[in-house]
Amino acid sequence: MSSIDQITAGKLIKGNTPSVSITCAVASTDYAAAAFMPDSARYVIVSCAAAVVVSIGEATSATVGVGVTAGVATTFPVRLRQPGETDADRTLHAQSPTAGAVVRLTYMTDA
């Protein structure tokens, strides 16, 4: 399973920053991104107008995930794909206590 830890800086590379959104239609329910994280991703920026909990490779819950403060774009490093990992192991999940919250995920690569 991929790990996710907060960092304080990252570099956006022009033309190399695919973004996806996850809409948390129902409050406090786990939603998975429609597509897995690209293998080239080294960082993910998570932003949402509401508070959100995110995780990689498994559903968010009371004990799984990292909190992101409302309105604060937060950058997390992600590790390289490991042998035997599947696309599901590289899928981001999000959960917000606010119904209708839209979580934006921007994937970044190294220069």
PDB file of N, CA and C in Angstrom:
ATOM      1  N   MET A   1       0.842  -1.168   0.000  1.00  0.00           N
ATOM      2  CA  MET A   1       0.000   0.000   0.000  1.00  0.00           C
ATOM      3  C   MET A   1       0.891   1.237   0.000  1.00  0.00           C
ATOM      4  N   SER A   2       0.509   2.278  -0.709  1.00  0.00           N
ATOM      5  CA  SER A   2       1.279   3.509  -0.771  1.00  0.00           C
ATOM      6  C   SER A   2       1.137   4.281   0.531  1.00  0.00           C
ATOM      7  N   SER A   3       2.207   4.994   0.890  1.00  0.00           N
ATOM      8  CA  SER A   3       2.121   5.830   2.076  1.00  0.00           C
ATOM      9  C   SER A   3       1.866   7.263   1.657  1.00  0.00           C
ATOM     10  N   ILE A   4       1.374   8.051   2.586  1.00  0.00           N
ATOM     11  CA  ILE A   4       1.122   9.454   2.304  1.00  0.00           C
ATOM     12  C   ILE A   4       1.555  10.255   3.525  1.00  0.00           C
ATOM     13  N   ASP A   5       2.463  11.195   3.335  1.00  0.00           N
ATOM     14  CA  ASP A   5       2.974  12.038   4.402  1.00  0.00           C
ATOM     15  C   ASP A   5       3.011  13.467   3.911  1.00  0.00           C
ATOM     16  N   GLN A   6       2.773  14.431   4.797  1.00  0.00           N
ATOM     17  CA  GLN A   6       2.744  15.826   4.399  1.00  0.00           C
ATOM     18  C   GLN A   6       4.148  16.365   4.171  1.00  0.00           C
ATOM     19  N   ILE A   7       4.299  17.217   3.161  1.00  0.00           N
ATOM     20  CA  ILE A   7       5.523  17.972   2.947  1.00  0.00           C
ATOM     21  C   ILE A   7       5.132  19.436   2.816  1.00  0.00           C
ATOM     22  N   THR A   8       6.115  20.323   2.757  1.00  0.00           N
ATOM     23  CA  THR A   8       5.790  21.741   2.726  1.00  0.00           C
ATOM     24  C   THR A   8       6.070  22.407   1.389  1.00  0.00           C
ATOM     25  N   ALA A   9       6.704  21.729   0.441  1.00  0.00           N
ATOM     26  CA  ALA A   9       7.014  22.370  -0.840  1.00  0.00           C
ATOM     27  C   ALA A   9       6.976  21.351  -1.966  1.00  0.00           C
ATOM     28  N   GLY A  10       6.693  21.819  -3.157  1.00  0.00           N
ATOM     29  CA  GLY A  10       6.700  20.986  -4.344  1.00  0.00           C
ATOM     30  C   GLY A  10       6.817  21.888  -5.549  1.00  0.00           C
ATOM     31  N   LYS A  11       7.115  21.342  -6.696  1.00  0.00           N
ATOM     32  CA  LYS A  11       7.279  22.142  -7.904  1.00  0.00           C
ATOM     33  C   LYS A  11       6.322  21.648  -8.974  1.00  0.00           C
ATOM     34  N   LEU A  12       5.500  22.560  -9.484  1.00  0.00           N
ATOM     35  CA  LEU A  12       4.612  22.224 -10.587  1.00  0.00           C
ATOM     36  C   LEU A  12       5.400  22.273 -11.875  1.00  0.00           C
ATOM     37  N   ILE A  13       5.258  21.273 -12.701  1.00  0.00           N
ATOM     38  CA  ILE A  13       5.959  21.194 -13.976  1.00  0.00           C
ATOM     39  C   ILE A  13       4.944  21.430 -15.088  1.00  0.00           C
ATOM     40  N   LYS A  14       5.155  22.454 -15.895  1.00  0.00           N
ATOM     41  CA  LYS A  14       4.220  22.798 -16.965  1.00  0.00           C
ATOM     42  C   LYS A  14       3.943  21.584 -17.846  1.00  0.00           C
ATOM     43  N   GLY A  15       2.666  21.310 -18.082  1.00  0.00           N
ATOM     44  CA  GLY A  15       2.271  20.202 -18.943  1.00  0.00           C
ATOM     45  C   GLY A  15       2.373  18.838 -18.282  1.00  0.00           C
ATOM     46  N   ASN A  16       2.773  18.798 -17.026  1.00  0.00           N
ATOM     47  CA  ASN A  16       2.959  17.523 -16.334  1.00  0.00           C
ATOM     48  C   ASN A  16       2.130  17.446 -15.064  1.00  0.00           C
ATOM     49  N   THR A  17       1.003  18.126 -15.023  1.00  0.00           N
ATOM     50  CA  THR A  17       0.228  18.180 -13.792  1.00  0.00           C
ATOM     51  C   THR A  17      -1.231  17.790 -14.022  1.00  0.00           C
ATOM     52  N   PRO A  18      -1.486  16.508 -14.272  1.00  0.00           N
ATOM     53  CA  PRO A  18      -2.880  16.099 -14.443  1.00  0.00           C
ATOM     54  C   PRO A  18      -3.671  16.310 -13.153  1.00  0.00           C
ATOM     55  N   SER A  19      -4.920  16.720 -13.285  1.00  0.00           N
ATOM     56  CA  SER A  19      -5.786  16.930 -12.131  1.00  0.00           C
ATOM     57  C   SER A  19      -7.076  16.146 -12.292  1.00  0.00           C
ATOM     58  N   VAL A  20      -7.608  15.713 -11.173  1.00  0.00           N
ATOM     59  CA  VAL A  20      -8.907  15.048 -11.142  1.00  0.00           C
ATOM     60  C   VAL A  20      -9.671  15.592  -9.941  1.00  0.00           C
ATOM     61  N   SER A  21     -10.963  15.403  -9.935  1.00  0.00           N
ATOM     62  CA  SER A  21     -11.786  15.824  -8.808  1.00  0.00           C
ATOM     63  C   SER A  21     -12.583  14.642  -8.277  1.00  0.00           C
ATOM     64  N   ILE A  22     -12.810  14.673  -6.985  1.00  0.00           N
ATOM     65  CA  ILE A  22     -13.686  13.703  -6.334  1.00  0.00           C
ATOM     66  C   ILE A  22     -14.798  14.512  -5.680  1.00  0.00           C
ATOM     67  N   THR A  23     -16.046  14.205  -6.005  1.00  0.00           N
ATOM     68  CA  THR A  23     -17.179  14.880  -5.375  1.00  0.00           C
ATOM     69  C   THR A  23     -17.722  13.987  -4.267  1.00  0.00           C
ATOM     70  N   CYS A  24     -17.703  14.501  -3.067  1.00  0.00           N
ATOM     71  CA  CYS A  24     -18.216  13.777  -1.901  1.00  0.00           C
ATOM     72  C   CYS A  24     -19.706  14.106  -1.770  1.00  0.00           C
ATOM     73  N   ALA A  25     -20.513  13.430  -2.570  1.00  0.00           N
ATOM     74  CA  ALA A  25     -21.947  13.744  -2.654  1.00  0.00           C
ATOM     75  C   ALA A  25     -22.658  13.584  -1.316  1.00  0.00           C
ATOM     76  N   VAL A  26     -22.299  12.558  -0.573  1.00  0.00           N
ATOM     77  CA  VAL A  26     -22.927  12.284   0.725  1.00  0.00           C
ATOM     78  C   VAL A  26     -21.876  12.504   1.808  1.00  0.00           C
ATOM     79  N   ALA A  27     -22.218  13.228   2.853  1.00  0.00           N
ATOM     80  CA  ALA A  27     -21.288  13.517   3.942  1.00  0.00           C
ATOM     81  C   ALA A  27     -20.780  12.237   4.605  1.00  0.00           C
ATOM     82  N   SER A  28     -19.520  12.267   5.000  1.00  0.00           N
ATOM     83  CA  SER A  28     -18.888  11.182   5.760  1.00  0.00           C
ATOM     84  C   SER A  28     -18.967   9.835   5.056  1.00  0.00           C
ATOM     85  N   THR A  29     -18.844   9.849   3.744  1.00  0.00           N
ATOM     86  CA  THR A  29     -18.835   8.636   2.929  1.00  0.00           C
ATOM     87  C   THR A  29     -17.559   8.630   2.105  1.00  0.00           C
ATOM     88  N   ASP A  30     -16.908   7.469   2.009  1.00  0.00           N
ATOM     89  CA  ASP A  30     -15.672   7.352   1.229  1.00  0.00           C
ATOM     90  C   ASP A  30     -15.978   7.345  -0.264  1.00  0.00           C
ATOM     91  N   TYR A  31     -15.194   8.113  -1.014  1.00  0.00           N
ATOM     92  CA  TYR A  31     -15.280   8.134  -2.476  1.00  0.00           C
ATOM     93  C   TYR A  31     -13.885   7.924  -3.046  1.00  0.00           C
ATOM     94  N   ALA A  32     -13.800   7.100  -4.079  1.00  0.00           N
ATOM     95  CA  ALA A  32     -12.518   6.857  -4.751  1.00  0.00           C
ATOM     96  C   ALA A  32     -12.432   7.702  -6.014  1.00  0.00           C
ATOM     97  N   ALA A  33     -11.224   8.132  -6.351  1.00  0.00           N
ATOM     98  CA  ALA A  33     -11.010   8.840  -7.614  1.00  0.00           C
ATOM     99  C   ALA A  33     -11.376   7.901  -8.754  1.00  0.00           C
ATOM    100  N   ALA A  34     -11.865   8.466  -9.852  1.00  0.00           N
ATOM    101  CA  ALA A  34     -12.291   7.652 -10.992  1.00  0.00           C
ATOM    102  C   ALA A  34     -11.121   6.962 -11.672  1.00  0.00           C
ATOM    103  N   ALA A  35      -9.922   7.506 -11.515  1.00  0.00           N
ATOM    104  CA  ALA A  35      -8.731   6.928 -12.146  1.00  0.00           C
ATOM    105  C   ALA A  35      -7.624   6.804 -11.104  1.00  0.00           C
ATOM    106  N   PHE A  36      -6.751   5.832 -11.299  1.00  0.00           N
ATOM    107  CA  PHE A  36      -5.645   5.665 -10.362  1.00  0.00           C
ATOM    108  C   PHE A  36      -4.584   6.733 -10.594  1.00  0.00           C
ATOM    109  N   MET A  37      -3.735   6.919  -9.605  1.00  0.00           N
ATOM    110  CA  MET A  37      -2.666   7.891  -9.681  1.00  0.00           C
ATOM    111  C   MET A  37      -1.649   7.465 -10.743  1.00  0.00           C
ATOM    112  N   PRO A  38      -1.203   8.379 -11.611  1.00  0.00           N
ATOM    113  CA  PRO A  38      -0.221   8.010 -12.634  1.00  0.00           C
ATOM    114  C   PRO A  38       1.070   7.486 -11.992  1.00  0.00           C
ATOM    115  N   ASP A  39       1.712   6.523 -12.646  1.00  0.00           N
ATOM    116  CA  ASP A  39       2.969   5.986 -12.123  1.00  0.00           C
ATOM    117  C   ASP A  39       4.039   7.056 -11.995  1.00  0.00           C
ATOM    118  N   SER A  40       3.950   8.094 -12.814  1.00  0.00           N
ATOM    119  CA  SER A  40       4.953   9.161 -12.796  1.00  0.00           C
ATOM    120  C   SER A  40       4.756  10.138 -11.638  1.00  0.00           C
ATOM    121  N   ALA A  41       3.633  10.060 -10.935  1.00  0.00           N
ATOM    122  CA  ALA A  41       3.351  10.998  -9.845  1.00  0.00           C
ATOM    123  C   ALA A  41       4.328  10.806  -8.693  1.00  0.00           C
ATOM    124  N   ARG A  42       4.866  11.916  -8.217  1.00  0.00           N
ATOM    125  CA  ARG A  42       5.759  11.891  -7.053  1.00  0.00           C
ATOM    126  C   ARG A  42       5.149  12.668  -5.893  1.00  0.00           C
ATOM    127  N   TYR A  43       4.164  13.542  -6.223  1.00  0.00           N
ATOM    128  CA  TYR A  43       3.472  14.343  -5.224  1.00  0.00           C
ATOM    129  C   TYR A  43       2.012  14.462  -5.642  1.00  0.00           C
ATOM    130  N   VAL A  44       1.159  14.676  -4.663  1.00  0.00           N
ATOM    131  CA  VAL A  44      -0.238  14.993  -4.953  1.00  0.00           C
ATOM    132  C   VAL A  44      -0.611  16.201  -4.107  1.00  0.00           C
ATOM    133  N   ILE A  45      -1.228  17.195  -4.760  1.00  0.00           N
ATOM    134  CA  ILE A  45      -1.743  18.359  -4.050  1.00  0.00           C
ATOM    135  C   ILE A  45      -3.238  18.112  -3.843  1.00  0.00           C
ATOM    136  N   VAL A  46      -3.678  18.197  -2.604  1.00  0.00           N
ATOM    137  CA  VAL A  46      -5.086  17.986  -2.261  1.00  0.00           C
ATOM    138  C   VAL A  46      -5.654  19.333  -1.810  1.00  0.00           C
ATOM    139  N   SER A  47      -6.752  19.737  -2.438  1.00  0.00           N
ATOM    140  CA  SER A  47      -7.393  20.986  -2.016  1.00  0.00           C
ATOM    141  C   SER A  47      -8.905  20.807  -2.040  1.00  0.00           C
ATOM    142  N   CYS A  48      -9.558  21.493  -1.096  1.00  0.00           N
ATOM    143  CA  CYS A  48     -11.008  21.412  -0.983  1.00  0.00           C
ATOM    144  C   CYS A  48     -11.476  22.593  -0.141  1.00  0.00           C
ATOM    145  N   ALA A  49     -12.611  23.151  -0.462  1.00  0.00           N
ATOM    146  CA  ALA A  49     -13.161  24.255   0.325  1.00  0.00           C
ATOM    147  C   ALA A  49     -13.621  23.773   1.702  1.00  0.00           C
ATOM    148  N   ALA A  50     -13.878  22.469   1.827  1.00  0.00           N
ATOM    149  CA  ALA A  50     -14.296  21.868   3.099  1.00  0.00           C
ATOM    150  C   ALA A  50     -13.171  20.986   3.632  1.00  0.00           C
ATOM    151  N   ALA A  51     -13.219  20.652   4.898  1.00  0.00           N
ATOM    152  CA  ALA A  51     -12.257  19.712   5.469  1.00  0.00           C
ATOM    153  C   ALA A  51     -12.431  18.357   4.792  1.00  0.00           C
ATOM    154  N   VAL A  52     -11.343  17.611   4.662  1.00  0.00           N
ATOM    155  CA  VAL A  52     -11.397  16.325   3.981  1.00  0.00           C
ATOM    156  C   VAL A  52     -10.335  15.393   4.561  1.00  0.00           C
ATOM    157  N   VAL A  53     -10.608  14.105   4.482  1.00  0.00           N
ATOM    158  CA  VAL A  53      -9.631  13.079   4.852  1.00  0.00           C
ATOM    159  C   VAL A  53      -9.313  12.316   3.580  1.00  0.00           C
ATOM    160  N   VAL A  54      -8.020  12.083   3.313  1.00  0.00           N
ATOM    161  CA  VAL A  54      -7.611  11.358   2.108  1.00  0.00           C
ATOM    162  C   VAL A  54      -6.733  10.171   2.469  1.00  0.00           C
ATOM    163  N   SER A  55      -6.742   9.178   1.594  1.00  0.00           N
ATOM    164  CA  SER A  55      -5.859   8.016   1.739  1.00  0.00           C
ATOM    165  C   SER A  55      -5.553   7.474   0.351  1.00  0.00           C
ATOM    166  N   ILE A  56      -4.525   6.669   0.281  1.00  0.00           N
ATOM    167  CA  ILE A  56      -4.142   6.042  -0.986  1.00  0.00           C
ATOM    168  C   ILE A  56      -4.297   4.534  -0.846  1.00  0.00           C
ATOM    169  N   GLY A  57      -5.041   3.938  -1.762  1.00  0.00           N
ATOM    170  CA  GLY A  57      -5.123   2.482  -1.832  1.00  0.00           C
ATOM    171  C   GLY A  57      -6.117   1.812  -0.923  1.00  0.00           C
ATOM    172  N   GLU A  58      -6.779   2.565  -0.073  1.00  0.00           N
ATOM    173  CA  GLU A  58      -7.818   1.967   0.762  1.00  0.00           C
ATOM    174  C   GLU A  58      -8.818   3.031   1.174  1.00  0.00           C
ATOM    175  N   ALA A  59     -10.006   2.583   1.519  1.00  0.00           N
ATOM    176  CA  ALA A  59     -11.082   3.497   1.882  1.00  0.00           C
ATOM    177  C   ALA A  59     -10.737   4.272   3.144  1.00  0.00           C
ATOM    178  N   THR A  60     -11.134   5.539   3.161  1.00  0.00           N
ATOM    179  CA  THR A  60     -10.950   6.354   4.348  1.00  0.00           C
ATOM    180  C   THR A  60     -11.932   5.892   5.424  1.00  0.00           C
ATOM    181  N   SER A  61     -11.528   6.095   6.673  1.00  0.00           N
ATOM    182  CA  SER A  61     -12.385   5.711   7.799  1.00  0.00           C
ATOM    183  C   SER A  61     -11.960   6.523   9.015  1.00  0.00           C
ATOM    184  N   ALA A  62     -12.504   6.194  10.163  1.00  0.00           N
ATOM    185  CA  ALA A  62     -12.129   6.895  11.394  1.00  0.00           C
ATOM    186  C   ALA A  62     -10.657   6.675  11.734  1.00  0.00           C
ATOM    187  N   THR A  63     -10.067   5.588  11.235  1.00  0.00           N
ATOM    188  CA  THR A  63      -8.671   5.282  11.554  1.00  0.00           C
ATOM    189  C   THR A  63      -7.743   5.296  10.348  1.00  0.00           C
ATOM    190  N   VAL A  64      -8.272   5.487   9.144  1.00  0.00           N
ATOM    191  CA  VAL A  64      -7.457   5.474   7.932  1.00  0.00           C
ATOM    192  C   VAL A  64      -7.580   6.812   7.228  1.00  0.00           C
ATOM    193  N   GLY A  65      -6.447   7.431   6.948  1.00  0.00           N
ATOM    194  CA  GLY A  65      -6.446   8.669   6.181  1.00  0.00           C
ATOM    195  C   GLY A  65      -5.739   9.796   6.889  1.00  0.00           C
ATOM    196  N   VAL A  66      -5.478  10.842   6.126  1.00  0.00           N
ATOM    197  CA  VAL A  66      -4.798  12.038   6.616  1.00  0.00           C
ATOM    198  C   VAL A  66      -5.741  13.218   6.418  1.00  0.00           C
ATOM    199  N   GLY A  67      -5.896  14.033   7.441  1.00  0.00           N
ATOM    200  CA  GLY A  67      -6.781  15.181   7.351  1.00  0.00           C
ATOM    201  C   GLY A  67      -6.159  16.343   6.598  1.00  0.00           C
ATOM    202  N   VAL A  68      -6.981  17.022   5.803  1.00  0.00           N
ATOM    203  CA  VAL A  68      -6.581  18.231   5.086  1.00  0.00           C
ATOM    204  C   VAL A  68      -7.538  19.344   5.526  1.00  0.00           C
ATOM    205  N   THR A  69      -6.970  20.452   5.954  1.00  0.00           N
ATOM    206  CA  THR A  69      -7.753  21.583   6.451  1.00  0.00           C
ATOM    207  C   THR A  69      -8.537  22.238   5.324  1.00  0.00           C
ATOM    208  N   ALA A  70      -9.741  22.681   5.617  1.00  0.00           N
ATOM    209  CA  ALA A  70     -10.592  23.365   4.638  1.00  0.00           C
ATOM    210  C   ALA A  70      -9.875  24.579   4.061  1.00  0.00           C
ATOM    211  N   GLY A  71      -9.891  24.680   2.740  1.00  0.00           N
ATOM    212  CA  GLY A  71      -9.327  25.834   2.068  1.00  0.00           C
ATOM    213  C   GLY A  71      -7.812  25.898   1.996  1.00  0.00           C
ATOM    214  N   VAL A  72      -7.122  24.858   2.457  1.00  0.00           N
ATOM    215  CA  VAL A  72      -5.655  24.844   2.441  1.00  0.00           C
ATOM    216  C   VAL A  72      -5.172  23.749   1.490  1.00  0.00           C
ATOM    217  N   ALA A  73      -4.526  24.157   0.399  1.00  0.00           N
ATOM    218  CA  ALA A  73      -3.945  23.164  -0.521  1.00  0.00           C
ATOM    219  C   ALA A  73      -2.748  22.542   0.173  1.00  0.00           C
ATOM    220  N   THR A  74      -2.745  21.217   0.260  1.00  0.00           N
ATOM    221  CA  THR A  74      -1.694  20.497   0.974  1.00  0.00           C
ATOM    222  C   THR A  74      -1.008  19.531   0.024  1.00  0.00           C
ATOM    223  N   THR A  75       0.318  19.532   0.040  1.00  0.00           N
ATOM    224  CA  THR A  75       1.111  18.683  -0.846  1.00  0.00           C
ATOM    225  C   THR A  75       1.629  17.480  -0.080  1.00  0.00           C
ATOM    226  N   PHE A  76       1.443  16.296  -0.669  1.00  0.00           N
ATOM    227  CA  PHE A  76       1.918  15.051  -0.069  1.00  0.00           C
ATOM    228  C   PHE A  76       2.849  14.331  -1.042  1.00  0.00           C
ATOM    229  N   PRO A  77       3.946  13.757  -0.547  1.00  0.00           N
ATOM    230  CA  PRO A  77       4.766  12.912  -1.419  1.00  0.00           C
ATOM    231  C   PRO A  77       4.125  11.529  -1.530  1.00  0.00           C
ATOM    232  N   VAL A  78       4.327  10.866  -2.644  1.00  0.00           N
ATOM    233  CA  VAL A  78       3.868   9.489  -2.812  1.00  0.00           C
ATOM    234  C   VAL A  78       5.038   8.653  -3.310  1.00  0.00           C
ATOM    235  N   ARG A  79       5.093   7.420  -2.909  1.00  0.00           N
ATOM    236  CA  ARG A  79       6.218   6.585  -3.306  1.00  0.00           C
ATOM    237  C   ARG A  79       5.992   5.988  -4.694  1.00  0.00           C
ATOM    238  N   LEU A  80       7.053   5.494  -5.262  1.00  0.00           N
ATOM    239  CA  LEU A  80       6.983   4.831  -6.558  1.00  0.00           C
ATOM    240  C   LEU A  80       6.134   3.575  -6.455  1.00  0.00           C
ATOM    241  N   ARG A  81       5.585   3.160  -7.586  1.00  0.00           N
ATOM    242  CA  ARG A  81       4.817   1.905  -7.594  1.00  0.00           C
ATOM    243  C   ARG A  81       5.740   0.768  -7.167  1.00  0.00           C
ATOM    244  N   GLN A  82       5.272  -0.032  -6.255  1.00  0.00           N
ATOM    245  CA  GLN A  82       6.028  -1.159  -5.738  1.00  0.00           C
ATOM    246  C   GLN A  82       5.685  -2.436  -6.504  1.00  0.00           C
ATOM    247  N   PRO A  83       6.623  -3.389  -6.570  1.00  0.00           N
ATOM    248  CA  PRO A  83       6.324  -4.650  -7.260  1.00  0.00           C
ATOM    249  C   PRO A  83       5.068  -5.306  -6.670  1.00  0.00           C
ATOM    250  N   GLY A  84       4.198  -5.752  -7.535  1.00  0.00           N
ATOM    251  CA  GLY A  84       2.978  -6.425  -7.101  1.00  0.00           C
ATOM    252  C   GLY A  84       1.810  -5.496  -6.810  1.00  0.00           C
ATOM    253  N   GLU A  85       2.037  -4.180  -6.794  1.00  0.00           N
ATOM    254  CA  GLU A  85       0.928  -3.265  -6.560  1.00  0.00           C
ATOM    255  C   GLU A  85       0.017  -3.211  -7.778  1.00  0.00           C
ATOM    256  N   THR A  86      -1.254  -3.046  -7.530  1.00  0.00           N
ATOM    257  CA  THR A  86      -2.241  -2.927  -8.604  1.00  0.00           C
ATOM    258  C   THR A  86      -2.668  -1.472  -8.736  1.00  0.00           C
ATOM    259  N   ASP A  87      -3.471  -1.176  -9.758  1.00  0.00           N
ATOM    260  CA  ASP A  87      -3.994   0.174  -9.916  1.00  0.00           C
ATOM    261  C   ASP A  87      -4.804   0.585  -8.684  1.00  0.00           C
ATOM    262  N   ALA A  88      -5.514  -0.357  -8.082  1.00  0.00           N
ATOM    263  CA  ALA A  88      -6.305  -0.052  -6.888  1.00  0.00           C
ATOM    264  C   ALA A  88      -5.414   0.425  -5.743  1.00  0.00           C
ATOM    265  N   ASP A  89      -4.174  -0.071  -5.688  1.00  0.00           N
ATOM    266  CA  ASP A  89      -3.230   0.353  -4.658  1.00  0.00           C
ATOM    267  C   ASP A  89      -2.793   1.802  -4.851  1.00  0.00           C
ATOM    268  N   ARG A  90      -3.043   2.367  -6.033  1.00  0.00           N
ATOM    269  CA  ARG A  90      -2.641   3.741  -6.348  1.00  0.00           C
ATOM    270  C   ARG A  90      -3.853   4.639  -6.591  1.00  0.00           C
ATOM    271  N   THR A  91      -4.982   4.270  -6.034  1.00  0.00           N
ATOM    272  CA  THR A  91      -6.191   5.072  -6.162  1.00  0.00           C
ATOM    273  C   THR A  91      -6.366   5.923  -4.915  1.00  0.00           C
ATOM    274  N   LEU A  92      -6.586   7.211  -5.113  1.00  0.00           N
ATOM    275  CA  LEU A  92      -6.816   8.109  -3.989  1.00  0.00           C
ATOM    276  C   LEU A  92      -8.275   8.055  -3.560  1.00  0.00           C
ATOM    277  N   HIS A  93      -8.485   8.103  -2.270  1.00  0.00           N
ATOM    278  CA  HIS A  93      -9.823   8.113  -1.673  1.00  0.00           C
ATOM    279  C   HIS A  93      -9.984   9.400  -0.879  1.00  0.00           C
ATOM    280  N   ALA A  94     -11.212   9.882  -0.793  1.00  0.00           N
ATOM    281  CA  ALA A  94     -11.494  11.092  -0.029  1.00  0.00           C
ATOM    282  C   ALA A  94     -12.825  10.953   0.696  1.00  0.00           C
ATOM    283  N   GLN A  95     -12.920  11.643   1.833  1.00  0.00           N
ATOM    284  CA  GLN A  95     -14.152  11.667   2.614  1.00  0.00           C
ATOM    285  C   GLN A  95     -14.250  13.034   3.287  1.00  0.00           C
ATOM    286  N   SER A  96     -15.399  13.651   3.201  1.00  0.00           N
ATOM    287  CA  SER A  96     -15.608  14.951   3.832  1.00  0.00           C
ATOM    288  C   SER A  96     -16.876  14.910   4.678  1.00  0.00           C
ATOM    289  N   PRO A  97     -16.867  15.606   5.802  1.00  0.00           N
ATOM    290  CA  PRO A  97     -18.096  15.700   6.595  1.00  0.00           C
ATOM    291  C   PRO A  97     -19.121  16.640   5.964  1.00  0.00           C
ATOM    292  N   THR A  98     -18.744  17.276   4.858  1.00  0.00           N
ATOM    293  CA  THR A  98     -19.621  18.222   4.172  1.00  0.00           C
ATOM    294  C   THR A  98     -20.148  17.608   2.882  1.00  0.00           C
ATOM    295  N   ALA A  99     -21.445  17.399   2.784  1.00  0.00           N
ATOM    296  CA  ALA A  99     -22.042  16.861   1.559  1.00  0.00           C
ATOM    297  C   ALA A  99     -21.804  17.829   0.410  1.00  0.00           C
ATOM    298  N   GLY A 100     -21.444  17.287  -0.743  1.00  0.00           N
ATOM    299  CA  GLY A 100     -21.214  18.095  -1.929  1.00  0.00           C
ATOM    300  C   GLY A 100     -19.811  18.662  -2.045  1.00  0.00           C
ATOM    301  N   ALA A 101     -18.935  18.377  -1.095  1.00  0.00           N
ATOM    302  CA  ALA A 101     -17.561  18.878  -1.151  1.00  0.00           C
ATOM    303  C   ALA A 101     -16.857  18.311  -2.382  1.00  0.00           C
ATOM    304  N   VAL A 102     -16.130  19.170  -3.078  1.00  0.00           N
ATOM    305  CA  VAL A 102     -15.373  18.751  -4.257  1.00  0.00           C
ATOM    306  C   VAL A 102     -13.894  18.814  -3.906  1.00  0.00           C
ATOM    307  N   VAL A 103     -13.241  17.660  -3.960  1.00  0.00           N
ATOM    308  CA  VAL A 103     -11.822  17.546  -3.635  1.00  0.00           C
ATOM    309  C   VAL A 103     -11.033  17.533  -4.929  1.00  0.00           C
ATOM    310  N   ARG A 104     -10.098  18.466  -5.064  1.00  0.00           N
ATOM    311  CA  ARG A 104      -9.262  18.508  -6.268  1.00  0.00           C
ATOM    312  C   ARG A 104      -7.920  17.878  -5.952  1.00  0.00           C
ATOM    313  N   LEU A 105      -7.515  16.963  -6.834  1.00  0.00           N
ATOM    314  CA  LEU A 105      -6.230  16.267  -6.723  1.00  0.00           C
ATOM    315  C   LEU A 105      -5.376  16.648  -7.928  1.00  0.00           C
ATOM    316  N   THR A 106      -4.195  17.186  -7.685  1.00  0.00           N
ATOM    317  CA  THR A 106      -3.268  17.530  -8.751  1.00  0.00           C
ATOM    318  C   THR A 106      -2.012  16.706  -8.563  1.00  0.00           C
ATOM    319  N   TYR A 107      -1.668  15.913  -9.556  1.00  0.00           N
ATOM    320  CA  TYR A 107      -0.496  15.047  -9.489  1.00  0.00           C
ATOM    321  C   TYR A 107       0.698  15.754 -10.096  1.00  0.00           C
ATOM    322  N   MET A 108       1.839  15.706  -9.407  1.00  0.00           N
ATOM    323  CA  MET A 108       3.065  16.341  -9.891  1.00  0.00           C
ATOM    324  C   MET A 108       4.155  15.298 -10.060  1.00  0.00           C
ATOM    325  N   THR A 109       5.055  15.557 -10.996  1.00  0.00           N
ATOM    326  CA  THR A 109       6.201  14.685 -11.221  1.00  0.00           C
ATOM    327  C   THR A 109       7.478  15.454 -10.905  1.00  0.00           C
ATOM    328  N   ASP A 110       8.581  14.722 -10.767  1.00  0.00           N
ATOM    329  CA  ASP A 110       9.874  15.383 -10.594  1.00  0.00           C
ATOM    330  C   ASP A 110      10.277  16.029 -11.908  1.00  0.00           C
ATOM    331  N   ALA A 111      11.100  17.048 -11.820  1.00  0.00           N
ATOM    332  CA  ALA A 111      11.580  17.745 -13.015  1.00  0.00           C
ATOM    333  C   ALA A 111      12.473  16.849 -13.837  1.00  0.00           C
TER     334      ALA A 111
END
